[in-house]
Structure formats: structure tokens, C-alpha cells
C-alpha atoms as a PDB file:
ATOM      1  CA  MET A   1    -130.116  65.869 -38.067  1.00  0.00           C
ATOM      2  CA  THR A   2    -126.665  67.495 -39.729  1.00  0.00           C
ATOM      3  CA  ARG A   3    -125.134  64.024 -39.912  1.00  0.00           C
ATOM      4  CA  LEU A   4    -128.073  62.932 -42.133  1.00  0.00           C
ATOM      5  CA  SER A   5    -127.753  66.082 -43.972  1.00  0.00           C
ATOM      6  CA  ALA A   6    -124.009  65.710 -44.751  1.00  0.00           C
ATOM      7  CA  LEU A   7    -124.362  61.933 -45.570  1.00  0.00           C
ATOM      8  CA  TRP A   8    -127.110  62.978 -48.116  1.00  0.00           C
ATOM      9  CA  GLN A   9    -125.196  65.836 -49.522  1.00  0.00           C
ATOM     10  CA  ARG A  10    -122.306  63.489 -50.016  1.00  0.00           C
ATOM     11  CA  ASN A  11    -124.277  60.968 -51.766  1.00  0.00           C
ATOM     12  CA  VAL A  12    -125.644  63.600 -54.028  1.00  0.00           C
ATOM     13  CA  ILE A  13    -122.343  64.787 -55.103  1.00  0.00           C
ATOM     14  CA  GLY A  14    -121.167  61.068 -55.377  1.00  0.00           C
ATOM     15  CA  ALA A  15    -124.005  60.365 -57.821  1.00  0.00           C
ATOM     16  CA  VAL A  16    -123.381  63.624 -59.780  1.00  0.00           C
ATOM     17  CA  VAL A  17    -119.660  62.609 -60.227  1.00  0.00           C
ATOM     18  CA  VAL A  18    -120.665  59.094 -61.353  1.00  0.00           C
ATOM     19  CA  ALA A  19    -123.348  60.445 -63.928  1.00  0.00           C
ATOM     20  CA  CYS A  20    -120.671  62.818 -65.240  1.00  0.00           C
ATOM     21  CA  ALA A  21    -118.034  59.724 -65.307  1.00  0.00           C
ATOM     22  CA  VAL A  22    -120.802  57.556 -67.271  1.00  0.00           C
ATOM     23  CA  GLY A  23    -121.688  60.545 -69.644  1.00  0.00           C
ATOM     24  CA  ALA A  24    -118.186  61.233 -70.307  1.00  0.00           C
ATOM     25  CA  PHE A  25    -117.451  57.528 -71.094  1.00  0.00           C
ATOM     26  CA  VAL A  26    -120.505  57.019 -73.394  1.00  0.00           C
ATOM     27  CA  VAL A  27    -119.435  60.385 -75.309  1.00  0.00           C
ATOM     28  CA  ILE A  28    -115.900  59.080 -75.716  1.00  0.00           C
ATOM     29  CA  ASP A  29    -116.503  55.531 -76.470  1.00  0.00           C
ATOM     30  CA  PHE A  30    -119.648  55.583 -78.662  1.00  0.00           C
ATOM     31  CA  GLY A  31    -119.066  58.996 -80.426  1.00  0.00           C
ATOM     32  CA  PRO A  32    -117.209  57.585 -83.268  1.00  0.00           C
ATOM     33  CA  GLN A  33    -119.419  54.564 -83.701  1.00  0.00           C
ATOM     34  CA  TRP A  34    -122.567  56.866 -83.765  1.00  0.00           C
ATOM     35  CA  SER A  35    -120.853  59.302 -86.293  1.00  0.00           C
ATOM     36  CA  ALA A  36    -120.013  56.322 -88.548  1.00  0.00           C
ATOM     37  CA  TYR A  37    -123.498  55.006 -87.937  1.00  0.00           C
ATOM     38  CA  ARG A  38    -124.925  58.548 -88.936  1.00  0.00           C
ATOM     39  CA  ASN A  39    -122.690  58.551 -91.879  1.00  0.00           C
ATOM     40  CA  SER A  40    -124.154  55.056 -93.102  1.00  0.00           C
ATOM     41  CA  LEU A  41    -127.477  56.682 -93.563  1.00  0.00           C
ATOM     42  CA  THR A  42    -126.786  60.270 -94.443  1.00  0.00           C
ATOM     43  CA  PRO A  43    -124.575  61.096 -97.494  1.00  0.00           C
ATOM     44  CA  ARG A  44    -121.743  63.609 -97.106  1.00  0.00           C
ATOM     45  CA  LEU A  45    -122.901  65.055-100.586  1.00  0.00           C
ATOM     46  CA  VAL A  46    -125.992  65.073-102.636  1.00  0.00           C
ATOM     47  CA  VAL A  47    -125.452  65.587-106.525  1.00  0.00           C
ATOM     48  CA  PRO A  48    -128.833  66.615-108.111  1.00  0.00           C
ATOM     49  CA  ASP A  49    -129.806  65.031-111.509  1.00  0.00           C
ATOM     50  CA  GLY A  50    -127.621  66.367-114.468  1.00  0.00           C
ATOM     51  CA  GLN A  51    -124.930  68.017-112.047  1.00  0.00           C
ATOM     52  CA  SER A  52    -121.792  67.444-110.450  1.00  0.00           C
ATOM     53  CA  GLY A  53    -120.562  67.779-106.825  1.00  0.00           C
ATOM     54  CA  THR A  54    -117.354  67.753-104.730  1.00  0.00           C
ATOM     55  CA  ALA A  55    -116.992  65.413-101.499  1.00  0.00           C
ATOM     56  CA  ASP A  56    -113.547  64.906 -99.914  1.00  0.00           C
ATOM     57  CA  GLY A  57    -111.700  66.629-102.878  1.00  0.00           C
ATOM     58  CA  GLN A  58    -113.175  64.282-105.559  1.00  0.00           C
ATOM     59  CA  THR A  59    -115.768  65.432-108.038  1.00  0.00           C
ATOM     60  CA  TRP A  60    -118.484  63.094-109.003  1.00  0.00           C
ATOM     61  CA  ARG A  61    -120.677  63.199-112.151  1.00  0.00           C
ATOM     62  CA  LEU A  62    -123.314  60.623-113.462  1.00  0.00           C
ATOM     63  CA  GLU A  63    -122.402  60.148-117.113  1.00  0.00           C
ATOM     64  CA  SER A  64    -124.728  57.430-118.310  1.00  0.00           C
ATOM     65  CA  ILE A  65    -127.602  54.775-117.406  1.00  0.00           C
ATOM     66  CA  LYS A  66    -128.327  51.983-119.553  1.00  0.00           C
ATOM     67  CA  HIS A  67    -131.194  49.502-119.101  1.00  0.00           C
ATOM     68  CA  LEU A  68    -130.628  46.256-120.732  1.00  0.00           C
ATOM     69  CA  ASN A  69    -133.227  43.328-120.790  1.00  0.00           C
ATOM     70  CA  ARG A  70    -130.715  40.503-121.403  1.00  0.00           C
ATOM     71  CA  SER A  71    -126.913  39.743-120.334  1.00  0.00           C
ATOM     72  CA  PRO A  72    -124.281  41.562-122.033  1.00  0.00           C
ATOM     73  CA  LEU A  73    -121.991  38.591-121.649  1.00  0.00           C
ATOM     74  CA  ASN A  74    -121.821  35.789-124.163  1.00  0.00           C
ATOM     75  CA  PHE A  75    -121.103  33.331-121.406  1.00  0.00           C
ATOM     76  CA  GLY A  76    -122.662  32.702-118.136  1.00  0.00           C
ATOM     77  CA  PRO A  77    -126.465  32.463-117.262  1.00  0.00           C
ATOM     78  CA  PRO A  78    -129.104  34.749-118.495  1.00  0.00           C
ATOM     79  CA  LEU A  79    -130.835  37.429-116.312  1.00  0.00           C
ATOM     80  CA  PRO A  80    -133.375  35.973-113.904  1.00  0.00           C
ATOM     81  CA  PRO A  81    -136.985  36.262-115.217  1.00  0.00           C
ATOM     82  CA  GLY A  82    -138.661  39.618-114.466  1.00  0.00           C
ATOM     83  CA  THR A  83    -135.408  41.628-114.193  1.00  0.00           C
ATOM     84  CA  VAL A  84    -133.339  44.180-115.993  1.00  0.00           C
ATOM     85  CA  LEU A  85    -129.609  44.683-115.734  1.00  0.00           C
ATOM     86  CA  THR A  86    -129.080  48.827-115.105  1.00  0.00           C
ATOM     87  CA  VAL A  87    -125.592  49.789-115.643  1.00  0.00           C
ATOM     88  CA  VAL A  88    -124.544  53.257-114.468  1.00  0.00           C
ATOM     89  CA  VAL A  89    -121.232  54.790-115.170  1.00  0.00           C
ATOM     90  CA  VAL A  90    -119.710  57.703-112.872  1.00  0.00           C
ATOM     91  CA  ASP A  91    -117.079  60.071-113.810  1.00  0.00           C
ATOM     92  CA  LEU A  92    -114.827  60.687-110.792  1.00  0.00           C
ATOM     93  CA  SER A  93    -111.858  63.321-110.827  1.00  0.00           C
ATOM     94  CA  GLY A  94    -109.607  64.188-108.123  1.00  0.00           C
ATOM     95  CA  PRO A  95    -107.045  62.641-105.933  1.00  0.00           C
ATOM     96  CA  PRO A  96    -106.850  58.869-105.802  1.00  0.00           C
ATOM     97  CA  ARG A  97    -108.543  57.355-102.921  1.00  0.00           C
ATOM     98  CA  PRO A  98    -107.382  54.279-100.962  1.00  0.00           C
ATOM     99  CA  GLY A  99    -109.905  51.362-100.435  1.00  0.00           C
ATOM    100  CA  TYR A 100    -112.808  49.808-102.138  1.00  0.00           C
ATOM    101  CA  CYS A 101    -116.308  51.428-102.843  1.00  0.00           C
ATOM    102  CA  THR A 102    -119.570  49.825-103.779  1.00  0.00           C
ATOM    103  CA  ALA A 103    -122.717  51.448-104.799  1.00  0.00           C
ATOM    104  CA  MET A 104    -126.305  50.896-103.791  1.00  0.00           C
ATOM    105  CA  LEU A 105    -129.287  51.564-106.134  1.00  0.00           C
ATOM    106  CA  THR A 106    -132.809  52.735-104.373  1.00  0.00           C
ATOM    107  CA  ASP A 107    -136.197  53.612-105.576  1.00  0.00           C
ATOM    108  CA  GLY A 108    -137.018  55.330-102.311  1.00  0.00           C
ATOM    109  CA  GLU A 109    -138.139  52.276-100.457  1.00  0.00           C
ATOM    110  CA  ARG A 110    -135.995  49.382-101.702  1.00  0.00           C
ATOM    111  CA  ARG A 111    -131.997  49.234-102.187  1.00  0.00           C
ATOM    112  CA  TRP A 112    -129.930  46.968-104.370  1.00  0.00           C
ATOM    113  CA  GLU A 113    -126.141  46.342-104.001  1.00  0.00           C
ATOM    114  CA  SER A 114    -124.009  46.416-107.451  1.00  0.00           C
ATOM    115  CA  GLU A 115    -123.021  43.451-108.766  1.00  0.00           C
ATOM    116  CA  GLY A 116    -119.384  42.342-108.236  1.00  0.00           C
ATOM    117  CA  VAL A 117    -116.908  41.371-111.011  1.00  0.00           C
ATOM    118  CA  GLY A 118    -118.027  37.964-112.284  1.00  0.00           C
ATOM    119  CA  GLY A 119    -121.680  38.793-111.760  1.00  0.00           C
ATOM    120  CA  PHE A 120    -124.290  39.810-114.420  1.00  0.00           C
ATOM    121  CA  SER A 121    -122.575  43.380-114.840  1.00  0.00           C
ATOM    122  CA  PRO A 122    -120.817  43.757-118.168  1.00  0.00           C
ATOM    123  CA  LEU A 123    -117.095  43.896-118.743  1.00  0.00           C
ATOM    124  CA  PRO A 124    -115.975  47.392-118.451  1.00  0.00           C
ATOM    125  CA  ARG A 125    -115.214  49.279-121.985  1.00  0.00           C
ATOM    126  CA  ASP A 126    -111.777  50.830-122.450  1.00  0.00           C
ATOM    127  CA  GLY A 127    -111.177  53.691-119.928  1.00  0.00           C
ATOM    128  CA  VAL A 128    -114.010  52.431-117.620  1.00  0.00           C
ATOM    129  CA  ARG A 129    -113.160  50.684-114.126  1.00  0.00           C
ATOM    130  CA  ASN A 130    -114.866  48.484-111.679  1.00  0.00           C
ATOM    131  CA  LEU A 131    -113.008  50.043-108.941  1.00  0.00           C
ATOM    132  CA  CYS A 132    -113.227  53.675-107.603  1.00  0.00           C
ATOM    133  CA  ASP A 133    -109.538  53.756-106.142  1.00  0.00           C
ATOM    134  CA  LYS A 134    -108.359  55.950-109.095  1.00  0.00           C
ATOM    135  CA  PRO A 135    -109.688  59.054-110.974  1.00  0.00           C
ATOM    136  CA  GLY A 136    -111.575  58.218-114.418  1.00  0.00           C
ATOM    137  CA  ARG A 137    -114.957  56.369-115.081  1.00  0.00           C
ATOM    138  CA  VAL A 138    -116.273  54.016-113.023  1.00  0.00           C
ATOM    139  CA  GLN A 139    -119.197  51.251-113.779  1.00  0.00           C
ATOM    140  CA  PHE A 140    -121.777  50.035-111.605  1.00  0.00           C
ATOM    141  CA  GLY A 141    -124.199  47.050-112.740  1.00  0.00           C
ATOM    142  CA  PHE A 142    -127.448  46.333-110.630  1.00  0.00           C
ATOM    143  CA  VAL A 143    -129.901  43.461-111.342  1.00  0.00           C
ATOM    144  CA  LEU A 144    -133.387  45.038-110.854  1.00  0.00           C
ATOM    145  CA  PRO A 145    -136.809  43.945-110.907  1.00  0.00           C
ATOM    146  CA  SER A 146    -138.302  45.121-114.277  1.00  0.00           C
ATOM    147  CA  ASP A 147    -140.775  47.267-112.715  1.00  0.00           C
ATOM    148  CA  VAL A 148    -138.423  49.369-110.543  1.00  0.00           C
ATOM    149  CA  VAL A 149    -137.808  53.150-111.346  1.00  0.00           C
ATOM    150  CA  PRO A 150    -134.429  53.916-109.375  1.00  0.00           C
ATOM    151  CA  THR A 151    -134.278  57.373-107.887  1.00  0.00           C
ATOM    152  CA  ALA A 152    -130.861  57.398-106.479  1.00  0.00           C
ATOM    153  CA  MET A 153    -127.492  55.697-106.368  1.00  0.00           C
ATOM    154  CA  ASP A 154    -125.286  55.649-103.195  1.00  0.00           C
ATOM    155  CA  VAL A 155    -121.743  55.511-103.267  1.00  0.00           C
ATOM    156  CA  ILE A 156    -120.472  53.830-100.482  1.00  0.00           C
ATOM    157  CA  ASP A 157    -116.989  53.538 -99.014  1.00  0.00           C
ATOM    158  CA  ASN A 158    -116.185  51.782 -95.639  1.00  0.00           C
ATOM    159  CA  GLY A 159    -119.815  51.415 -94.990  1.00  0.00           C
ATOM    160  CA  GLN A 160    -120.418  55.264 -95.096  1.00  0.00           C
ATOM    161  CA  ILE A 161    -122.245  57.164 -97.998  1.00  0.00           C
ATOM    162  CA  THR A 162    -119.918  59.210 -99.823  1.00  0.00           C
ATOM    163  CA  VAL A 163    -122.075  60.593-102.578  1.00  0.00           C
ATOM    164  CA  ARG A 164    -125.672  60.467-103.448  1.00  0.00           C
ATOM    165  CA  MET A 165    -126.516  60.790-107.057  1.00  0.00           C
ATOM    166  CA  LEU A 166    -130.019  61.630-107.716  1.00  0.00           C
ATOM    167  CA  LEU A 167    -131.190  60.055-110.849  1.00  0.00           C
END
């Protein structure tokens, strides 16, 4: 009876050690990936409409939103039927940030990615940029169905939402 009890006790201790090792492996190996995934869904900062906010030492402020029913360029294709071009300009101040950012516009149910350079987006005016690697005014252009009322814009850097600006 004691031999069976000692064997049972040794197996339980071994199972606990294996469970702890697997748990530690999961936390160490998948922790950063889980954090990155969580940051791809949850913004670090939410800026209410008409206000500014600071994330990672940078201050974000929505400067203007324009809705255009035709392409602003004299060349290239016209906008697809039933769409509008929404141009959002954001004022970014603070230290320069390395890398590239993009933006997504949402109506609460659907999302649209910003147009790249050479798409339907208008050419930036003086003092406005297409990239957010330096402080200044940044422009994002979106081709949306004409019946959409956007509610927020997410600025995304390296797959993670840096700031959500409520419109």
C-alpha cells in the first residue's frame, strides 16, 4: 500500500511540475504576442471629438474633415460610383517617431483603410504630409460608400492602434 501511495504521490508531483513548466512557457512565449494582439484591438489613447490627446509623448488633434464627391486630381480615374472621398487632416506634435503609420476609418461596424500615395487621395498641400514619422500636419484619404457616417479614425503603427480619434 505504501509503495502504491509513494508512486501516486510522485506522479502527482511530476504532473504539477509539468503543468507549471507548460504555464511558464505559455506566458513567456505567447505573452508578447497576446499583448500585441490586444493592442491591435484596443487603442492606447481615445481622443474625444474636438479635443487633443497625448500618447507616447506625441499630441494628436483632429484638424479637419472634408467630403469630396469627385476625385481632386486632374488625372487618374474618377471615384467609383456611389462613393465619396473623405480627407482627414491630423495635427501631430511631439518627438519624431520611427516607422510608418496608416489609418482606418470606422462607422462602428465596418472599417476602411486609408488610400496610399498614388490612389484617390489628394496631393498634400504645403505643410501637410502623408507620413507621420515627423511632427506636423498629416493627411489621410478614404474612399467610402456615400451613405456611410464615420464615427472614429484609428491611427495604426506597426499593427497596433496608437490613437483613436472620435469624429
